[in-house]
Amino acid sequence: MLDKYLKKYERYKIANANKCEREKRHAIAEFEKQIKKGIETTKFWNRSIKIKWKKSITKSMAKEEFQLRCKISRANDDWIVEEITTWKKVHRRETQWWHFVSASINQTCFDENNVRPQFWRSNKQMSWWDSKALKIKEQYRKNLVKKIGEEAVQNLERVEKYWKNALIKSWRTLFSEIFKKYQALNDEIFAKHPWRDRNASKDESWKKRKESQS
């Protein structure tokens, strides 16, 4: 009887060892697949793997850094910018950044000539594509010509018309490059001006402006 149980136990050990080996091979295979997808290992022990996703650079992240650079590089020491449709000089927090040619077109999304500060209400109205939106767009174009010239504006419009035929390297790679480039430039500005903050509401110049208006 004892021999019977010993043999059964040996078979169980072998089966369990084979199962462990299969699970180990499966875990390693999955790990290698995830590494190719950009996953970072945080812990590895026995047959278990803990993984943490690397944060991939998206277009919106690249665009946020790019637009911030456009805004702070065109602002004066008090972070006052010139609103494109009215020529009013306002704090950067009072504006949004609007693309003359839609930001959905990657070829012009990160062109500095294509991005200008605009009041949020005008920005929103331009997206409605009604008669009022067309008037705002017309005024935007008129003032943009004064800023960068007719030829530069026509170049933007030409890309908008023929963007589907444009060839470019991997957009994911491009977004990552743009993000790193403008993040470094922005960090350099903030390092030189500690009273400035990425969060416009925390910026000292905004507080001073509100105090002067009150």
N, C-alpha and C. Protein backbone atom coordinates (compact mmCIF):
# COMPACT_ATOMS: atom_id res chain seq x y z
N MET A 1 0.83 -1.21 0.00
CA MET A 1 0.00 0.00 0.00
C MET A 1 0.87 1.27 0.00
N LEU A 2 1.95 1.22 0.82
CA LEU A 2 2.86 2.37 0.90
C LEU A 2 3.52 2.63 -0.45
N ASP A 3 3.93 1.56 -1.13
CA ASP A 3 4.55 1.71 -2.44
C ASP A 3 3.59 2.38 -3.42
N LYS A 4 2.33 2.03 -3.30
CA LYS A 4 1.32 2.61 -4.20
C LYS A 4 1.25 4.13 -4.03
N TYR A 5 1.24 4.56 -2.78
CA TYR A 5 1.14 6.00 -2.51
C TYR A 5 2.43 6.73 -2.88
N LEU A 6 3.56 6.02 -2.67
CA LEU A 6 4.84 6.64 -3.05
C LEU A 6 4.94 6.84 -4.55
N LYS A 7 4.48 5.87 -5.31
CA LYS A 7 4.49 5.98 -6.76
C LYS A 7 3.55 7.10 -7.22
N LYS A 8 2.40 7.16 -6.55
CA LYS A 8 1.43 8.22 -6.89
C LYS A 8 2.02 9.60 -6.59
N TYR A 9 2.74 9.68 -5.47
CA TYR A 9 3.37 10.93 -5.08
C TYR A 9 4.44 11.36 -6.07
N GLU A 10 5.21 10.36 -6.55
CA GLU A 10 6.26 10.64 -7.54
C GLU A 10 5.64 11.15 -8.84
N ARG A 11 4.53 10.51 -9.25
CA ARG A 11 3.86 10.96 -10.48
C ARG A 11 3.33 12.39 -10.31
N TYR A 12 2.82 12.68 -9.13
CA TYR A 12 2.31 14.02 -8.84
C TYR A 12 3.44 15.06 -8.91
N LYS A 13 4.59 14.72 -8.34
CA LYS A 13 5.74 15.65 -8.37
C LYS A 13 6.18 15.93 -9.80
N ILE A 14 6.22 14.86 -10.61
CA ILE A 14 6.63 15.02 -12.01
C ILE A 14 5.63 15.88 -12.77
N ALA A 15 4.34 15.59 -12.57
CA ALA A 15 3.29 16.35 -13.25
C ALA A 15 3.32 17.81 -12.83
N ASN A 16 3.52 18.02 -11.53
CA ASN A 16 3.54 19.38 -11.01
C ASN A 16 4.77 20.14 -11.52
N ALA A 17 5.90 19.42 -11.61
CA ALA A 17 7.13 20.05 -12.12
C ALA A 17 6.95 20.44 -13.58
N ASN A 18 6.30 19.55 -14.35
CA ASN A 18 6.04 19.86 -15.77
C ASN A 18 5.12 21.06 -15.91
N LYS A 19 4.11 21.11 -15.02
CA LYS A 19 3.17 22.25 -15.04
C LYS A 19 3.90 23.55 -14.73
N CYS A 20 4.76 23.49 -13.71
CA CYS A 20 5.54 24.67 -13.33
C CYS A 20 6.44 25.13 -14.48
N GLU A 21 7.03 24.18 -15.16
CA GLU A 21 7.91 24.50 -16.28
C GLU A 21 7.14 25.14 -17.41
N ARG A 22 5.93 24.59 -17.69
CA ARG A 22 5.09 25.16 -18.75
C ARG A 22 4.69 26.58 -18.41
N GLU A 23 4.30 26.80 -17.16
CA GLU A 23 3.89 28.14 -16.73
C GLU A 23 5.06 29.11 -16.78
N LYS A 24 6.23 28.62 -16.43
CA LYS A 24 7.42 29.46 -16.47
C LYS A 24 7.72 29.89 -17.90
N ARG A 25 7.68 28.92 -18.83
CA ARG A 25 7.94 29.23 -20.24
C ARG A 25 6.90 30.20 -20.78
N HIS A 26 5.65 29.99 -20.38
CA HIS A 26 4.57 30.87 -20.82
C HIS A 26 4.78 32.29 -20.30
N ALA A 27 5.17 32.38 -19.01
CA ALA A 27 5.40 33.70 -18.40
C ALA A 27 6.53 34.43 -19.09
N ILE A 28 7.61 33.71 -19.39
CA ILE A 28 8.76 34.32 -20.05
C ILE A 28 8.40 34.78 -21.46
N ALA A 29 7.61 33.94 -22.17
CA ALA A 29 7.18 34.31 -23.53
C ALA A 29 6.33 35.56 -23.51
N GLU A 30 5.39 35.63 -22.54
CA GLU A 30 4.54 36.80 -22.42
C GLU A 30 5.37 38.03 -22.06
N PHE A 31 6.34 37.83 -21.19
CA PHE A 31 7.22 38.92 -20.77
C PHE A 31 7.97 39.50 -21.98
N GLU A 32 8.49 38.64 -22.82
CA GLU A 32 9.23 39.09 -24.01
C GLU A 32 8.32 39.83 -24.98
N LYS A 33 7.07 39.38 -25.09
CA LYS A 33 6.12 40.09 -25.95
C LYS A 33 5.85 41.48 -25.42
N GLN A 34 5.67 41.58 -24.10
CA GLN A 34 5.36 42.87 -23.49
C GLN A 34 6.53 43.84 -23.58
N ILE A 35 7.75 43.29 -23.49
CA ILE A 35 8.94 44.14 -23.62
C ILE A 35 8.94 44.82 -24.99
N LYS A 36 8.57 44.07 -26.03
CA LYS A 36 8.52 44.62 -27.38
C LYS A 36 7.48 45.72 -27.50
N LYS A 37 6.44 45.64 -26.66
CA LYS A 37 5.38 46.65 -26.69
C LYS A 37 5.70 47.85 -25.81
N GLY A 38 6.84 47.81 -25.12
CA GLY A 38 7.24 48.95 -24.30
C GLY A 38 6.85 48.84 -22.85
N ILE A 39 6.86 47.63 -22.31
CA ILE A 39 6.50 47.45 -20.91
C ILE A 39 7.76 47.31 -20.07
N GLU A 40 7.73 47.86 -18.90
CA GLU A 40 8.88 47.88 -18.01
C GLU A 40 8.66 46.92 -16.84
N THR A 41 9.64 46.05 -16.57
CA THR A 41 9.52 45.10 -15.48
C THR A 41 9.78 45.77 -14.14
N THR A 42 8.96 45.51 -13.17
CA THR A 42 9.17 46.06 -11.83
C THR A 42 9.58 44.98 -10.83
N LYS A 43 9.16 43.73 -11.04
CA LYS A 43 9.53 42.67 -10.11
C LYS A 43 9.40 41.32 -10.82
N PHE A 44 10.29 40.41 -10.48
CA PHE A 44 10.26 39.09 -11.10
C PHE A 44 10.66 38.08 -10.05
N TRP A 45 9.80 37.14 -9.76
CA TRP A 45 10.16 36.09 -8.81
C TRP A 45 9.36 34.83 -9.12
N ASN A 46 10.04 33.66 -8.92
CA ASN A 46 9.44 32.37 -9.22
C ASN A 46 8.79 32.36 -10.60
N ARG A 47 7.44 32.18 -10.61
CA ARG A 47 6.74 32.14 -11.89
C ARG A 47 5.93 33.40 -12.11
N SER A 48 6.04 34.36 -11.22
CA SER A 48 5.21 35.55 -11.30
C SER A 48 5.99 36.73 -11.85
N ILE A 49 5.31 37.53 -12.64
CA ILE A 49 5.93 38.73 -13.21
C ILE A 49 5.00 39.91 -12.96
N LYS A 50 5.52 40.93 -12.36
CA LYS A 50 4.76 42.17 -12.25
C LYS A 50 5.29 43.14 -13.28
N ILE A 51 4.40 43.76 -14.03
CA ILE A 51 4.83 44.68 -15.08
C ILE A 51 4.12 46.01 -14.93
N LYS A 52 4.78 47.01 -15.42
CA LYS A 52 4.23 48.37 -15.38
C LYS A 52 4.32 48.97 -16.77
N TRP A 53 3.20 49.48 -17.26
CA TRP A 53 3.18 50.06 -18.60
C TRP A 53 3.96 51.36 -18.62
N LYS A 54 4.82 51.50 -19.60
CA LYS A 54 5.47 52.79 -19.83
C LYS A 54 4.44 53.73 -20.43
N LYS A 55 4.48 54.97 -20.06
CA LYS A 55 3.55 55.95 -20.58
C LYS A 55 4.01 56.38 -21.96
N SER A 56 3.25 56.00 -22.98
CA SER A 56 3.64 56.35 -24.34
C SER A 56 3.30 57.81 -24.62
N ILE A 57 4.08 58.44 -25.48
CA ILE A 57 3.86 59.84 -25.83
C ILE A 57 2.77 59.92 -26.88
N THR A 58 1.69 60.60 -26.55
CA THR A 58 0.56 60.74 -27.46
C THR A 58 0.63 62.09 -28.17
N LYS A 59 -0.21 62.24 -29.18
CA LYS A 59 -0.27 63.50 -29.90
C LYS A 59 -0.71 64.64 -28.99
N SER A 60 -1.68 64.37 -28.12
CA SER A 60 -2.18 65.42 -27.24
C SER A 60 -1.10 65.90 -26.27
N MET A 61 -0.25 64.98 -25.81
CA MET A 61 0.85 65.37 -24.92
C MET A 61 1.87 66.23 -25.66
N ALA A 62 2.19 65.82 -26.89
CA ALA A 62 3.13 66.61 -27.70
C ALA A 62 2.55 67.98 -28.01
N LYS A 63 1.25 68.00 -28.33
CA LYS A 63 0.59 69.26 -28.67
C LYS A 63 0.53 70.21 -27.48
N GLU A 64 0.32 69.66 -26.29
CA GLU A 64 0.26 70.48 -25.09
C GLU A 64 1.58 71.20 -24.84
N GLU A 65 2.71 70.48 -24.96
CA GLU A 65 4.02 71.09 -24.77
C GLU A 65 4.32 72.09 -25.88
N PHE A 66 3.95 71.75 -27.11
CA PHE A 66 4.18 72.63 -28.25
C PHE A 66 3.41 73.94 -28.09
N GLN A 67 2.13 73.84 -27.72
CA GLN A 67 1.31 75.04 -27.58
C GLN A 67 1.77 75.90 -26.40
N LEU A 68 2.22 75.26 -25.35
CA LEU A 68 2.74 76.01 -24.21
C LEU A 68 3.97 76.80 -24.62
N ARG A 69 4.84 76.18 -25.42
CA ARG A 69 6.03 76.87 -25.91
C ARG A 69 5.65 78.07 -26.77
N CYS A 70 4.68 77.88 -27.67
CA CYS A 70 4.23 78.99 -28.52
C CYS A 70 3.71 80.14 -27.68
N LYS A 71 3.00 79.80 -26.62
CA LYS A 71 2.39 80.83 -25.79
C LYS A 71 3.43 81.60 -24.98
N ILE A 72 4.30 80.90 -24.27
CA ILE A 72 5.24 81.59 -23.39
C ILE A 72 6.37 82.25 -24.16
N SER A 73 6.67 81.78 -25.36
CA SER A 73 7.73 82.40 -26.14
C SER A 73 7.25 83.70 -26.80
N ARG A 74 5.95 83.85 -26.96
CA ARG A 74 5.39 85.05 -27.58
C ARG A 74 4.87 86.04 -26.55
N ALA A 75 4.91 85.68 -25.29
CA ALA A 75 4.43 86.57 -24.23
C ALA A 75 5.55 87.45 -23.72
N ASN A 76 5.18 88.60 -23.13
CA ASN A 76 6.20 89.47 -22.55
C ASN A 76 6.52 88.99 -21.13
N ASP A 77 7.25 89.78 -20.38
CA ASP A 77 7.68 89.36 -19.05
C ASP A 77 6.51 89.13 -18.09
N ASP A 78 5.41 89.81 -18.34
CA ASP A 78 4.21 89.63 -17.51
C ASP A 78 3.27 88.58 -18.10
N TRP A 79 3.74 87.91 -19.11
CA TRP A 79 2.98 86.87 -19.82
C TRP A 79 1.71 87.42 -20.46
N ILE A 80 1.86 88.59 -21.06
CA ILE A 80 0.78 89.18 -21.82
C ILE A 80 0.97 88.80 -23.29
N VAL A 81 -0.10 88.31 -23.91
CA VAL A 81 -0.06 87.92 -25.32
C VAL A 81 -1.06 88.75 -26.12
N GLU A 82 -0.91 88.72 -27.43
CA GLU A 82 -1.80 89.47 -28.32
C GLU A 82 -2.82 88.52 -28.93
N GLU A 83 -4.08 88.72 -28.59
CA GLU A 83 -5.15 87.85 -29.09
C GLU A 83 -5.35 88.09 -30.59
N ILE A 84 -5.43 87.03 -31.38
CA ILE A 84 -5.32 87.12 -32.83
C ILE A 84 -6.50 87.80 -33.52
N THR A 85 -7.72 87.64 -33.01
CA THR A 85 -8.87 88.20 -33.74
C THR A 85 -9.22 89.62 -33.34
N THR A 86 -8.73 90.08 -32.18
CA THR A 86 -9.08 91.43 -31.72
C THR A 86 -7.86 92.32 -31.50
N TRP A 87 -6.65 91.74 -31.52
CA TRP A 87 -5.40 92.44 -31.23
C TRP A 87 -5.32 92.91 -29.78
N LYS A 88 -6.23 92.45 -28.93
CA LYS A 88 -6.18 92.86 -27.53
C LYS A 88 -5.01 92.18 -26.84
N LYS A 89 -4.38 92.91 -25.91
CA LYS A 89 -3.27 92.34 -25.14
C LYS A 89 -3.83 91.84 -23.81
N VAL A 90 -3.76 90.52 -23.63
CA VAL A 90 -4.36 89.88 -22.46
C VAL A 90 -3.37 88.87 -21.87
N HIS A 91 -3.64 88.46 -20.64
CA HIS A 91 -2.81 87.44 -20.00
C HIS A 91 -3.01 86.10 -20.72
N ARG A 92 -1.97 85.30 -20.73
CA ARG A 92 -2.05 84.03 -21.45
C ARG A 92 -3.17 83.13 -20.93
N ARG A 93 -3.51 83.28 -19.64
CA ARG A 93 -4.56 82.45 -19.07
C ARG A 93 -5.93 82.79 -19.66
N GLU A 94 -6.07 83.99 -20.22
CA GLU A 94 -7.35 84.42 -20.78
C GLU A 94 -7.56 83.93 -22.22
N THR A 95 -6.59 83.21 -22.73
CA THR A 95 -6.69 82.73 -24.11
C THR A 95 -6.51 81.22 -24.19
N GLN A 96 -6.96 80.70 -25.33
CA GLN A 96 -6.65 79.33 -25.71
C GLN A 96 -5.82 79.40 -26.98
N TRP A 97 -5.24 78.26 -27.35
CA TRP A 97 -4.46 78.26 -28.57
C TRP A 97 -5.23 77.58 -29.68
N TRP A 98 -5.45 78.33 -30.74
CA TRP A 98 -6.28 77.84 -31.83
C TRP A 98 -5.45 77.70 -33.10
N HIS A 99 -5.67 76.59 -33.80
CA HIS A 99 -4.98 76.33 -35.05
C HIS A 99 -5.78 76.92 -36.21
N PHE A 100 -5.12 77.68 -37.06
CA PHE A 100 -5.78 78.21 -38.26
C PHE A 100 -6.22 77.05 -39.16
N VAL A 101 -5.31 76.12 -39.42
CA VAL A 101 -5.64 74.86 -40.08
C VAL A 101 -5.84 73.83 -38.98
N SER A 102 -6.87 73.02 -39.10
CA SER A 102 -7.25 72.08 -38.05
C SER A 102 -6.06 71.30 -37.48
N ALA A 103 -6.05 71.18 -36.15
CA ALA A 103 -4.99 70.43 -35.47
C ALA A 103 -5.06 68.93 -35.77
N SER A 104 -6.16 68.50 -36.38
CA SER A 104 -6.28 67.08 -36.74
C SER A 104 -5.32 66.71 -37.87
N ILE A 105 -4.82 67.72 -38.59
CA ILE A 105 -3.87 67.49 -39.68
C ILE A 105 -2.46 67.58 -39.11
N ASN A 106 -1.82 66.44 -39.00
CA ASN A 106 -0.51 66.38 -38.32
C ASN A 106 0.55 67.24 -38.99
N GLN A 107 0.46 67.37 -40.32
CA GLN A 107 1.49 68.09 -41.05
C GLN A 107 1.57 69.56 -40.66
N THR A 108 0.47 70.14 -40.20
CA THR A 108 0.47 71.55 -39.81
C THR A 108 0.20 71.75 -38.32
N CYS A 109 -0.12 70.69 -37.62
CA CYS A 109 -0.46 70.80 -36.20
C CYS A 109 0.67 71.43 -35.40
N PHE A 110 1.92 71.10 -35.76
CA PHE A 110 3.08 71.58 -34.99
C PHE A 110 3.87 72.65 -35.74
N ASP A 111 3.18 73.36 -36.62
CA ASP A 111 3.77 74.50 -37.32
C ASP A 111 3.45 75.75 -36.51
N GLU A 112 4.47 76.45 -36.05
CA GLU A 112 4.25 77.62 -35.18
C GLU A 112 3.48 78.73 -35.88
N ASN A 113 3.56 78.79 -37.21
CA ASN A 113 2.79 79.80 -37.95
C ASN A 113 1.30 79.51 -37.88
N ASN A 114 0.94 78.27 -37.56
CA ASN A 114 -0.45 77.85 -37.58
C ASN A 114 -1.16 78.01 -36.24
N VAL A 115 -0.44 78.45 -35.22
CA VAL A 115 -1.01 78.50 -33.87
C VAL A 115 -0.92 79.91 -33.29
N ARG A 116 -2.06 80.42 -32.83
CA ARG A 116 -2.11 81.76 -32.25
C ARG A 116 -3.06 81.78 -31.05
N PRO A 117 -2.82 82.71 -30.09
CA PRO A 117 -3.72 82.82 -28.95
C PRO A 117 -5.06 83.42 -29.37
N GLN A 118 -6.13 82.86 -28.83
CA GLN A 118 -7.46 83.33 -29.17
C GLN A 118 -8.37 83.19 -27.95
N PHE A 119 -9.32 84.13 -27.81
CA PHE A 119 -10.27 84.03 -26.71
C PHE A 119 -11.05 82.73 -26.82
N TRP A 120 -11.32 82.11 -25.67
CA TRP A 120 -11.96 80.79 -25.66
C TRP A 120 -13.33 80.82 -26.34
N ARG A 121 -14.05 81.96 -26.21
CA ARG A 121 -15.39 82.04 -26.84
C ARG A 121 -15.28 82.01 -28.36
N SER A 122 -14.33 82.77 -28.90
CA SER A 122 -14.11 82.76 -30.35
C SER A 122 -13.63 81.39 -30.81
N ASN A 123 -12.80 80.79 -29.99
CA ASN A 123 -12.29 79.46 -30.28
C ASN A 123 -13.44 78.47 -30.40
N LYS A 124 -14.35 78.52 -29.45
CA LYS A 124 -15.50 77.61 -29.46
C LYS A 124 -16.42 77.89 -30.64
N GLN A 125 -16.66 79.17 -30.91
CA GLN A 125 -17.56 79.54 -32.00
C GLN A 125 -17.02 79.12 -33.36
N MET A 126 -15.71 79.13 -33.52
CA MET A 126 -15.12 78.73 -34.79
C MET A 126 -15.37 77.26 -35.11
N SER A 127 -15.60 76.46 -34.08
CA SER A 127 -15.83 75.04 -34.29
C SER A 127 -17.26 74.73 -34.72
N TRP A 128 -18.13 75.72 -34.71
CA TRP A 128 -19.53 75.49 -35.07
C TRP A 128 -19.76 75.52 -36.58
N TRP A 129 -18.87 76.17 -37.32
CA TRP A 129 -18.95 76.25 -38.78
C TRP A 129 -20.26 76.89 -39.27
N ASP A 130 -20.73 77.90 -38.55
CA ASP A 130 -21.88 78.67 -39.02
C ASP A 130 -21.38 80.00 -39.57
N SER A 131 -22.30 80.92 -39.88
CA SER A 131 -21.91 82.20 -40.48
C SER A 131 -21.00 83.01 -39.55
N LYS A 132 -21.26 82.94 -38.25
CA LYS A 132 -20.43 83.68 -37.30
C LYS A 132 -19.03 83.08 -37.25
N ALA A 133 -18.97 81.77 -37.32
CA ALA A 133 -17.68 81.09 -37.30
C ALA A 133 -16.85 81.49 -38.52
N LEU A 134 -17.50 81.61 -39.67
CA LEU A 134 -16.80 81.99 -40.90
C LEU A 134 -16.26 83.42 -40.80
N LYS A 135 -17.01 84.30 -40.14
CA LYS A 135 -16.55 85.68 -39.96
C LYS A 135 -15.31 85.72 -39.06
N ILE A 136 -15.35 84.91 -37.99
CA ILE A 136 -14.20 84.86 -37.08
C ILE A 136 -12.99 84.29 -37.81
N LYS A 137 -13.24 83.25 -38.61
CA LYS A 137 -12.16 82.62 -39.37
C LYS A 137 -11.55 83.62 -40.36
N GLU A 138 -12.42 84.40 -40.98
CA GLU A 138 -11.96 85.42 -41.95
C GLU A 138 -11.10 86.47 -41.26
N GLN A 139 -11.53 86.90 -40.06
CA GLN A 139 -10.76 87.89 -39.30
C GLN A 139 -9.44 87.30 -38.84
N TYR A 140 -9.49 86.04 -38.44
CA TYR A 140 -8.28 85.32 -38.03
C TYR A 140 -7.29 85.32 -39.18
N ARG A 141 -7.76 84.96 -40.37
CA ARG A 141 -6.87 84.90 -41.54
C ARG A 141 -6.29 86.26 -41.88
N LYS A 142 -7.13 87.27 -41.81
CA LYS A 142 -6.70 88.63 -42.13
C LYS A 142 -5.57 89.07 -41.20
N ASN A 143 -5.74 88.83 -39.91
CA ASN A 143 -4.72 89.22 -38.94
C ASN A 143 -3.48 88.33 -39.01
N LEU A 144 -3.69 87.06 -39.37
CA LEU A 144 -2.56 86.14 -39.51
C LEU A 144 -1.67 86.56 -40.68
N VAL A 145 -2.30 87.06 -41.75
CA VAL A 145 -1.54 87.56 -42.90
C VAL A 145 -0.65 88.72 -42.46
N LYS A 146 -1.18 89.58 -41.60
CA LYS A 146 -0.40 90.70 -41.09
C LYS A 146 0.79 90.22 -40.25
N LYS A 147 0.60 89.06 -39.62
CA LYS A 147 1.66 88.52 -38.76
C LYS A 147 2.75 87.82 -39.56
N ILE A 148 2.34 86.93 -40.47
CA ILE A 148 3.32 86.05 -41.12
C ILE A 148 3.38 86.21 -42.64
N GLY A 149 2.46 87.00 -43.21
CA GLY A 149 2.48 87.21 -44.65
C GLY A 149 1.53 86.29 -45.41
N GLU A 150 1.10 86.76 -46.57
CA GLU A 150 0.14 86.02 -47.40
C GLU A 150 0.70 84.68 -47.86
N GLU A 151 1.95 84.65 -48.24
CA GLU A 151 2.54 83.42 -48.76
C GLU A 151 2.56 82.31 -47.71
N ALA A 152 2.91 82.67 -46.49
CA ALA A 152 2.96 81.67 -45.41
C ALA A 152 1.57 81.13 -45.11
N VAL A 153 0.57 81.99 -45.15
CA VAL A 153 -0.81 81.56 -44.91
C VAL A 153 -1.27 80.63 -46.03
N GLN A 154 -0.93 80.97 -47.27
CA GLN A 154 -1.29 80.12 -48.40
C GLN A 154 -0.61 78.75 -48.32
N ASN A 155 0.60 78.72 -47.80
CA ASN A 155 1.30 77.44 -47.62
C ASN A 155 0.54 76.54 -46.64
N LEU A 156 0.02 77.14 -45.57
CA LEU A 156 -0.78 76.38 -44.61
C LEU A 156 -2.05 75.84 -45.28
N GLU A 157 -2.69 76.69 -46.07
CA GLU A 157 -3.92 76.28 -46.73
C GLU A 157 -3.66 75.21 -47.79
N ARG A 158 -2.49 75.27 -48.40
CA ARG A 158 -2.13 74.27 -49.41
C ARG A 158 -1.94 72.90 -48.76
N VAL A 159 -1.30 72.89 -47.60
CA VAL A 159 -1.11 71.62 -46.88
C VAL A 159 -2.47 71.07 -46.44
N GLU A 160 -3.35 71.95 -46.01
CA GLU A 160 -4.69 71.53 -45.59
C GLU A 160 -5.43 70.84 -46.74
N LYS A 161 -5.21 71.33 -47.95
CA LYS A 161 -5.91 70.79 -49.11
C LYS A 161 -5.32 69.47 -49.59
N TYR A 162 -3.98 69.35 -49.48
CA TYR A 162 -3.32 68.17 -50.05
C TYR A 162 -2.63 67.30 -49.00
N TRP A 163 -3.01 67.41 -47.75
CA TRP A 163 -2.29 66.73 -46.68
C TRP A 163 -2.31 65.21 -46.82
N LYS A 164 -3.32 64.65 -47.47
CA LYS A 164 -3.41 63.19 -47.60
C LYS A 164 -2.28 62.63 -48.46
N ASN A 165 -1.71 63.48 -49.31
CA ASN A 165 -0.65 63.01 -50.20
C ASN A 165 0.74 63.16 -49.58
N ALA A 166 0.81 63.77 -48.40
CA ALA A 166 2.11 64.01 -47.76
C ALA A 166 2.63 62.73 -47.11
N LEU A 167 3.91 62.48 -47.27
CA LEU A 167 4.54 61.31 -46.67
C LEU A 167 5.44 61.76 -45.53
N ILE A 168 5.44 61.04 -44.47
CA ILE A 168 6.26 61.40 -43.31
C ILE A 168 6.57 60.14 -42.51
N LYS A 169 7.63 60.18 -41.71
CA LYS A 169 8.00 59.01 -40.93
C LYS A 169 6.96 58.74 -39.84
N SER A 170 7.16 57.69 -39.10
CA SER A 170 6.22 57.26 -38.08
C SER A 170 5.76 58.43 -37.21
N TRP A 171 4.44 58.65 -37.13
CA TRP A 171 3.92 59.75 -36.34
C TRP A 171 4.22 59.54 -34.86
N ARG A 172 4.20 58.28 -34.40
CA ARG A 172 4.49 58.02 -32.99
C ARG A 172 5.89 58.51 -32.64
N THR A 173 6.85 58.24 -33.52
CA THR A 173 8.22 58.70 -33.30
C THR A 173 8.27 60.22 -33.31
N LEU A 174 7.55 60.83 -34.24
CA LEU A 174 7.54 62.28 -34.36
C LEU A 174 6.93 62.93 -33.13
N PHE A 175 5.83 62.39 -32.61
CA PHE A 175 5.20 62.94 -31.41
C PHE A 175 6.17 62.91 -30.23
N SER A 176 6.90 61.81 -30.11
CA SER A 176 7.87 61.67 -29.02
C SER A 176 8.98 62.71 -29.14
N GLU A 177 9.47 62.92 -30.36
CA GLU A 177 10.53 63.90 -30.60
C GLU A 177 10.04 65.31 -30.29
N ILE A 178 8.83 65.63 -30.74
CA ILE A 178 8.25 66.97 -30.50
C ILE A 178 8.06 67.20 -29.01
N PHE A 179 7.52 66.21 -28.33
CA PHE A 179 7.27 66.31 -26.89
C PHE A 179 8.57 66.60 -26.14
N LYS A 180 9.61 65.83 -26.41
CA LYS A 180 10.89 65.98 -25.72
C LYS A 180 11.53 67.33 -26.03
N LYS A 181 11.44 67.74 -27.30
CA LYS A 181 12.04 69.01 -27.72
C LYS A 181 11.40 70.19 -26.99
N TYR A 182 10.07 70.26 -27.03
CA TYR A 182 9.39 71.43 -26.45
C TYR A 182 9.31 71.35 -24.93
N GLN A 183 9.31 70.17 -24.37
CA GLN A 183 9.35 70.05 -22.92
C GLN A 183 10.67 70.60 -22.39
N ALA A 184 11.77 70.28 -23.08
CA ALA A 184 13.09 70.79 -22.67
C ALA A 184 13.15 72.31 -22.79
N LEU A 185 12.61 72.85 -23.87
CA LEU A 185 12.61 74.30 -24.07
C LEU A 185 11.75 74.99 -23.00
N ASN A 186 10.61 74.40 -22.69
CA ASN A 186 9.73 74.98 -21.67
C ASN A 186 10.36 74.91 -20.29
N ASP A 187 10.96 73.78 -19.97
CA ASP A 187 11.62 73.62 -18.67
C ASP A 187 12.73 74.66 -18.49
N GLU A 188 13.41 74.96 -19.59
CA GLU A 188 14.49 75.95 -19.54
C GLU A 188 13.94 77.33 -19.17
N ILE A 189 12.81 77.69 -19.76
CA ILE A 189 12.20 78.99 -19.45
C ILE A 189 11.73 79.04 -18.01
N PHE A 190 11.06 77.98 -17.55
CA PHE A 190 10.55 77.96 -16.18
C PHE A 190 11.69 77.97 -15.16
N ALA A 191 12.81 77.36 -15.51
CA ALA A 191 13.97 77.33 -14.60
C ALA A 191 14.55 78.74 -14.44
N LYS A 192 14.50 79.54 -15.49
CA LYS A 192 15.05 80.89 -15.44
C LYS A 192 14.09 81.85 -14.74
N HIS A 193 12.80 81.50 -14.71
CA HIS A 193 11.80 82.37 -14.11
C HIS A 193 10.98 81.57 -13.09
N PRO A 194 11.50 81.39 -11.88
CA PRO A 194 10.83 80.56 -10.89
C PRO A 194 9.45 81.05 -10.48
N TRP A 195 9.16 82.33 -10.71
CA TRP A 195 7.84 82.85 -10.35
C TRP A 195 6.79 82.45 -11.38
N ARG A 196 7.25 81.89 -12.49
CA ARG A 196 6.31 81.39 -13.48
C ARG A 196 5.96 79.95 -13.17
N ASP A 197 4.80 79.52 -13.61
CA ASP A 197 4.36 78.15 -13.33
C ASP A 197 3.64 77.60 -14.54
N ARG A 198 3.80 76.29 -14.78
CA ARG A 198 3.09 75.66 -15.89
C ARG A 198 1.59 75.81 -15.73
N ASN A 199 1.14 75.78 -14.49
CA ASN A 199 -0.27 76.01 -14.20
C ASN A 199 -0.51 77.51 -14.16
N ALA A 200 -1.22 78.02 -15.16
CA ALA A 200 -1.41 79.47 -15.30
C ALA A 200 -2.07 80.08 -14.07
N SER A 201 -2.94 79.32 -13.40
CA SER A 201 -3.64 79.86 -12.24
C SER A 201 -2.70 80.10 -11.06
N LYS A 202 -1.54 79.43 -11.05
CA LYS A 202 -0.57 79.59 -9.96
C LYS A 202 0.50 80.62 -10.30
N ASP A 203 0.40 81.19 -11.47
CA ASP A 203 1.43 82.14 -11.91
C ASP A 203 1.29 83.47 -11.19
N GLU A 204 2.40 84.02 -10.73
CA GLU A 204 2.39 85.28 -9.99
C GLU A 204 1.89 86.44 -10.85
N SER A 205 2.20 86.41 -12.14
CA SER A 205 1.76 87.50 -13.01
C SER A 205 0.24 87.55 -13.12
N TRP A 206 -0.40 86.40 -13.03
CA TRP A 206 -1.88 86.35 -13.10
C TRP A 206 -2.47 86.99 -11.84
N LYS A 207 -1.86 86.72 -10.69
CA LYS A 207 -2.33 87.31 -9.44
C LYS A 207 -2.19 88.83 -9.48
N LYS A 208 -1.05 89.30 -9.99
CA LYS A 208 -0.82 90.74 -10.07
C LYS A 208 -1.82 91.40 -11.01
N ARG A 209 -2.12 90.72 -12.12
CA ARG A 209 -3.07 91.29 -13.08
C ARG A 209 -4.47 91.41 -12.47
N LYS A 210 -4.88 90.39 -11.73
CA LYS A 210 -6.19 90.41 -11.11
C LYS A 210 -6.26 91.51 -10.06
N GLU A 211 -5.16 91.72 -9.35
CA GLU A 211 -5.12 92.76 -8.32
C GLU A 211 -5.20 94.16 -8.94
N SER A 212 -4.54 94.33 -10.10
CA SER A 212 -4.55 95.64 -10.77
C SER A 212 -5.92 95.96 -11.36
N GLN A 213 -6.67 94.91 -11.71
CA GLN A 213 -7.99 95.12 -12.31
C GLN A 213 -9.08 95.34 -11.26
N SER A 214 -8.79 94.94 -10.02
CA SER A 214 -9.78 95.07 -8.95
C SER A 214 -9.79 96.47 -8.34
